Amino acid sequence: MSFLSNLFGGGTPEEKAAKAAAKAEVRARRDAEELAEKQARTDDLFARAMGNDPENSSCDARRKAAIKLVLANDTARGREAWLAISRDYPTELGDALEQVGVCYHLDKDYRAALENYEAAIRVGANADHLADNIDEARKGLAALG
């Protein structure tokens, strides 16, 4: 190919289409592999957060895994993990309810977020600490109408 061919994308339309299809296939394969890796990581985090990883079953390890689940945008399993932690460690109930509220907040379910924030306060969570979250959830709820 000449310099101008390289510069202007020489080749027949069929060749160009074949190159584009090959690139798209490589991209799709890479995206699928990345998604599978992410799913495997979140599956491992979920197992740990639920207490199913014997080497990492302490309350602290489970809390860290639950936080990482939420940060990975797996809020549904994050909620489930926090509730399991609160069942196994009742002293964690306030914190768990706050985190469940955060999960709902991230999902834009502001009513459920508020309910969980308020429940956390009722069981002893620091109301001042949750004030900003509550204000933001109320604003989100108002914006929805």
C-alpha atoms as a PDB file:
ATOM      1  CA  MET A   1       0.000   0.000   0.000  1.00  0.00           C
ATOM      2  CA  SER A   2       1.204   3.435  -0.766  1.00  0.00           C
ATOM      3  CA  PHE A   3       1.501   6.267   1.687  1.00  0.00           C
ATOM      4  CA  LEU A   4      -1.746   7.827   0.443  1.00  0.00           C
ATOM      5  CA  SER A   5      -3.506   4.476   0.691  1.00  0.00           C
ATOM      6  CA  ASN A   6      -2.449   4.154   4.300  1.00  0.00           C
ATOM      7  CA  LEU A   7      -3.376   7.729   5.020  1.00  0.00           C
ATOM      8  CA  PHE A   8      -6.816   7.581   3.445  1.00  0.00           C
ATOM      9  CA  GLY A   9      -7.680   3.983   4.314  1.00  0.00           C
ATOM     10  CA  GLY A  10      -7.119   2.298   0.992  1.00  0.00           C
ATOM     11  CA  GLY A  11      -8.640  -0.982   0.036  1.00  0.00           C
ATOM     12  CA  THR A  12     -11.846  -2.163  -1.437  1.00  0.00           C
ATOM     13  CA  PRO A  13     -15.104  -1.637   0.433  1.00  0.00           C
ATOM     14  CA  GLU A  14     -15.169  -5.382   1.110  1.00  0.00           C
ATOM     15  CA  GLU A  15     -11.666  -5.274   2.629  1.00  0.00           C
ATOM     16  CA  LYS A  16     -12.611  -2.296   4.772  1.00  0.00           C
ATOM     17  CA  ALA A  17     -15.776  -4.048   5.937  1.00  0.00           C
ATOM     18  CA  ALA A  18     -13.818  -7.201   6.777  1.00  0.00           C
ATOM     19  CA  LYS A  19     -11.260  -5.204   8.792  1.00  0.00           C
ATOM     20  CA  ALA A  20     -14.018  -3.373  10.640  1.00  0.00           C
ATOM     21  CA  ALA A  21     -15.801  -6.651  11.393  1.00  0.00           C
ATOM     22  CA  ALA A  22     -12.576  -8.227  12.671  1.00  0.00           C
ATOM     23  CA  LYS A  23     -11.921  -5.231  14.931  1.00  0.00           C
ATOM     24  CA  ALA A  24     -15.492  -5.341  16.227  1.00  0.00           C
ATOM     25  CA  GLU A  25     -15.160  -9.054  16.958  1.00  0.00           C
ATOM     26  CA  VAL A  26     -11.921  -8.528  18.884  1.00  0.00           C
ATOM     27  CA  ARG A  27     -13.524  -5.672  20.833  1.00  0.00           C
ATOM     28  CA  ALA A  28     -16.612  -7.754  21.622  1.00  0.00           C
ATOM     29  CA  ARG A  29     -14.476 -10.677  22.787  1.00  0.00           C
ATOM     30  CA  ARG A  30     -12.369  -8.389  24.985  1.00  0.00           C
ATOM     31  CA  ASP A  31     -15.516  -6.790  26.465  1.00  0.00           C
ATOM     32  CA  ALA A  32     -17.004 -10.219  27.194  1.00  0.00           C
ATOM     33  CA  GLU A  33     -13.800 -11.347  28.909  1.00  0.00           C
ATOM     34  CA  GLU A  34     -13.686  -8.186  31.025  1.00  0.00           C
ATOM     35  CA  LEU A  35     -17.324  -8.650  31.992  1.00  0.00           C
ATOM     36  CA  ALA A  36     -16.695 -12.275  32.967  1.00  0.00           C
ATOM     37  CA  GLU A  37     -13.692 -11.235  35.082  1.00  0.00           C
ATOM     38  CA  LYS A  38     -15.733  -8.529  36.813  1.00  0.00           C
ATOM     39  CA  GLN A  39     -18.528 -11.015  37.475  1.00  0.00           C
ATOM     40  CA  ALA A  40     -16.047 -13.491  38.956  1.00  0.00           C
ATOM     41  CA  ARG A  41     -14.624 -10.779  41.227  1.00  0.00           C
ATOM     42  CA  THR A  42     -18.058  -9.704  42.430  1.00  0.00           C
ATOM     43  CA  ASP A  43     -19.064 -13.352  42.934  1.00  0.00           C
ATOM     44  CA  ASP A  44     -16.011 -13.780  45.169  1.00  0.00           C
ATOM     45  CA  LEU A  45     -16.797 -10.572  47.052  1.00  0.00           C
ATOM     46  CA  PHE A  46     -20.398 -11.667  47.529  1.00  0.00           C
ATOM     47  CA  ALA A  47     -19.330 -15.066  48.889  1.00  0.00           C
ATOM     48  CA  ARG A  48     -16.981 -13.341  51.331  1.00  0.00           C
ATOM     49  CA  ALA A  49     -19.561 -10.740  52.379  1.00  0.00           C
ATOM     50  CA  MET A  50     -22.113 -13.472  53.027  1.00  0.00           C
ATOM     51  CA  GLY A  51     -19.648 -15.332  55.252  1.00  0.00           C
ATOM     52  CA  ASN A  52     -19.023 -18.182  52.808  1.00  0.00           C
ATOM     53  CA  ASP A  53     -15.251 -17.690  52.606  1.00  0.00           C
ATOM     54  CA  PRO A  54     -13.789 -19.512  55.637  1.00  0.00           C
ATOM     55  CA  GLU A  55     -10.460 -17.689  55.361  1.00  0.00           C
ATOM     56  CA  ASN A  56     -12.131 -14.258  55.325  1.00  0.00           C
ATOM     57  CA  SER A  57     -15.238 -14.660  57.462  1.00  0.00           C
ATOM     58  CA  SER A  58     -14.538 -12.066  60.158  1.00  0.00           C
ATOM     59  CA  CYS A  59     -16.957  -9.210  60.529  1.00  0.00           C
ATOM     60  CA  ASP A  60     -14.312  -6.784  59.249  1.00  0.00           C
ATOM     61  CA  ALA A  61     -13.548  -8.877  56.151  1.00  0.00           C
ATOM     62  CA  ARG A  62     -17.239  -9.240  55.406  1.00  0.00           C
ATOM     63  CA  ARG A  63     -17.839  -5.492  55.803  1.00  0.00           C
ATOM     64  CA  LYS A  64     -14.957  -4.683  53.437  1.00  0.00           C
ATOM     65  CA  ALA A  65     -16.298  -7.134  50.859  1.00  0.00           C
ATOM     66  CA  ALA A  66     -19.793  -5.650  51.117  1.00  0.00           C
ATOM     67  CA  ILE A  67     -18.395  -2.145  50.615  1.00  0.00           C
ATOM     68  CA  LYS A  68     -16.465  -3.313  47.551  1.00  0.00           C
ATOM     69  CA  LEU A  69     -19.635  -4.890  46.139  1.00  0.00           C
ATOM     70  CA  VAL A  70     -21.421  -1.564  46.403  1.00  0.00           C
ATOM     71  CA  LEU A  71     -18.471   0.269  44.867  1.00  0.00           C
ATOM     72  CA  ALA A  72     -18.602  -2.237  41.981  1.00  0.00           C
ATOM     73  CA  ASN A  73     -22.242  -1.166  41.437  1.00  0.00           C
ATOM     74  CA  ASP A  74     -23.629  -4.514  42.583  1.00  0.00           C
ATOM     75  CA  THR A  75     -26.071  -2.805  44.907  1.00  0.00           C
ATOM     76  CA  ALA A  76     -28.640  -5.610  45.037  1.00  0.00           C
ATOM     77  CA  ARG A  77     -26.103  -8.101  46.346  1.00  0.00           C
ATOM     78  CA  GLY A  78     -24.592  -5.344  48.478  1.00  0.00           C
ATOM     79  CA  ARG A  79     -27.951  -4.910  50.247  1.00  0.00           C
ATOM     80  CA  GLU A  80     -28.248  -8.655  50.735  1.00  0.00           C
ATOM     81  CA  ALA A  81     -24.723  -8.834  52.146  1.00  0.00           C
ATOM     82  CA  TRP A  82     -25.279  -5.982  54.609  1.00  0.00           C
ATOM     83  CA  LEU A  83     -28.466  -7.596  55.879  1.00  0.00           C
ATOM     84  CA  ALA A  84     -26.656 -10.925  56.308  1.00  0.00           C
ATOM     85  CA  ILE A  85     -23.883  -9.166  58.235  1.00  0.00           C
ATOM     86  CA  SER A  86     -26.449  -7.560  60.540  1.00  0.00           C
ATOM     87  CA  ARG A  87     -28.079 -10.957  61.170  1.00  0.00           C
ATOM     88  CA  ASP A  88     -24.743 -12.537  62.059  1.00  0.00           C
ATOM     89  CA  TYR A  89     -23.454  -9.499  63.980  1.00  0.00           C
ATOM     90  CA  PRO A  90     -26.455  -7.745  65.570  1.00  0.00           C
ATOM     91  CA  THR A  91     -24.265  -4.882  66.805  1.00  0.00           C
ATOM     92  CA  GLU A  92     -23.765  -3.960  63.136  1.00  0.00           C
ATOM     93  CA  LEU A  93     -27.480  -3.347  62.514  1.00  0.00           C
ATOM     94  CA  GLY A  94     -27.291   0.455  62.468  1.00  0.00           C
ATOM     95  CA  ASP A  95     -24.357   0.480  60.108  1.00  0.00           C
ATOM     96  CA  ALA A  96     -25.953  -2.174  57.913  1.00  0.00           C
ATOM     97  CA  LEU A  97     -29.194  -0.224  57.608  1.00  0.00           C
ATOM     98  CA  GLU A  98     -27.230   2.881  56.693  1.00  0.00           C
ATOM     99  CA  GLN A  99     -25.380   0.945  53.973  1.00  0.00           C
ATOM    100  CA  VAL A 100     -28.612  -0.593  52.683  1.00  0.00           C
ATOM    101  CA  GLY A 101     -29.905   2.984  52.459  1.00  0.00           C
ATOM    102  CA  VAL A 102     -26.823   3.946  50.462  1.00  0.00           C
ATOM    103  CA  CYS A 103     -27.485   1.064  48.059  1.00  0.00           C
ATOM    104  CA  TYR A 104     -31.049   2.228  47.507  1.00  0.00           C
ATOM    105  CA  HIS A 105     -29.823   5.794  47.168  1.00  0.00           C
ATOM    106  CA  LEU A 106     -27.401   4.756  44.418  1.00  0.00           C
ATOM    107  CA  ASP A 107     -30.285   2.978  42.690  1.00  0.00           C
ATOM    108  CA  LYS A 108     -32.309   6.219  42.927  1.00  0.00           C
ATOM    109  CA  ASP A 109     -34.927   4.515  45.117  1.00  0.00           C
ATOM    110  CA  TYR A 110     -35.023   7.501  47.429  1.00  0.00           C
ATOM    111  CA  ARG A 111     -38.061   6.363  49.431  1.00  0.00           C
ATOM    112  CA  ALA A 112     -36.372   3.088  50.400  1.00  0.00           C
ATOM    113  CA  ALA A 113     -33.124   4.970  51.094  1.00  0.00           C
ATOM    114  CA  LEU A 114     -34.927   7.309  53.496  1.00  0.00           C
ATOM    115  CA  GLU A 115     -36.674   4.402  55.219  1.00  0.00           C
ATOM    116  CA  ASN A 116     -33.340   2.686  55.827  1.00  0.00           C
ATOM    117  CA  TYR A 117     -31.560   5.859  56.958  1.00  0.00           C
ATOM    118  CA  GLU A 118     -34.375   6.548  59.425  1.00  0.00           C
ATOM    119  CA  ALA A 119     -34.363   2.934  60.624  1.00  0.00           C
ATOM    120  CA  ALA A 120     -30.601   3.202  61.165  1.00  0.00           C
ATOM    121  CA  ILE A 121     -31.126   6.257  63.357  1.00  0.00           C
ATOM    122  CA  ARG A 122     -33.851   4.446  65.332  1.00  0.00           C
ATOM    123  CA  VAL A 123     -31.410   1.654  66.195  1.00  0.00           C
ATOM    124  CA  GLY A 124     -28.654   4.031  67.230  1.00  0.00           C
ATOM    125  CA  ALA A 125     -26.836   5.347  64.167  1.00  0.00           C
ATOM    126  CA  ASN A 126     -25.580   8.919  64.393  1.00  0.00           C
ATOM    127  CA  ALA A 127     -28.287  11.206  62.997  1.00  0.00           C
ATOM    128  CA  ASP A 128     -25.781  14.006  62.312  1.00  0.00           C
ATOM    129  CA  HIS A 129     -23.673  11.604  60.271  1.00  0.00           C
ATOM    130  CA  LEU A 130     -26.705  10.690  58.149  1.00  0.00           C
ATOM    131  CA  ALA A 131     -28.109  14.220  57.784  1.00  0.00           C
ATOM    132  CA  ASP A 132     -26.534  14.877  54.368  1.00  0.00           C
ATOM    133  CA  ASN A 133     -27.680  11.512  52.998  1.00  0.00           C
ATOM    134  CA  ILE A 134     -31.205  12.152  54.250  1.00  0.00           C
ATOM    135  CA  ASP A 135     -31.258  15.645  52.728  1.00  0.00           C
ATOM    136  CA  GLU A 136     -30.021  14.326  49.378  1.00  0.00           C
ATOM    137  CA  ALA A 137     -32.572  11.495  49.390  1.00  0.00           C
ATOM    138  CA  ARG A 138     -35.377  13.946  50.158  1.00  0.00           C
ATOM    139  CA  LYS A 139     -34.246  16.168  47.286  1.00  0.00           C
ATOM    140  CA  GLY A 140     -34.139  13.170  44.973  1.00  0.00           C
ATOM    141  CA  LEU A 141     -37.611  12.111  46.050  1.00  0.00           C
ATOM    142  CA  ALA A 142     -38.969  15.636  45.550  1.00  0.00           C
ATOM    143  CA  ALA A 143     -37.416  15.825  42.083  1.00  0.00           C
ATOM    144  CA  LEU A 144     -39.242  12.641  41.116  1.00  0.00           C
ATOM    145  CA  GLY A 145     -42.510  14.274  42.091  1.00  0.00           C
END
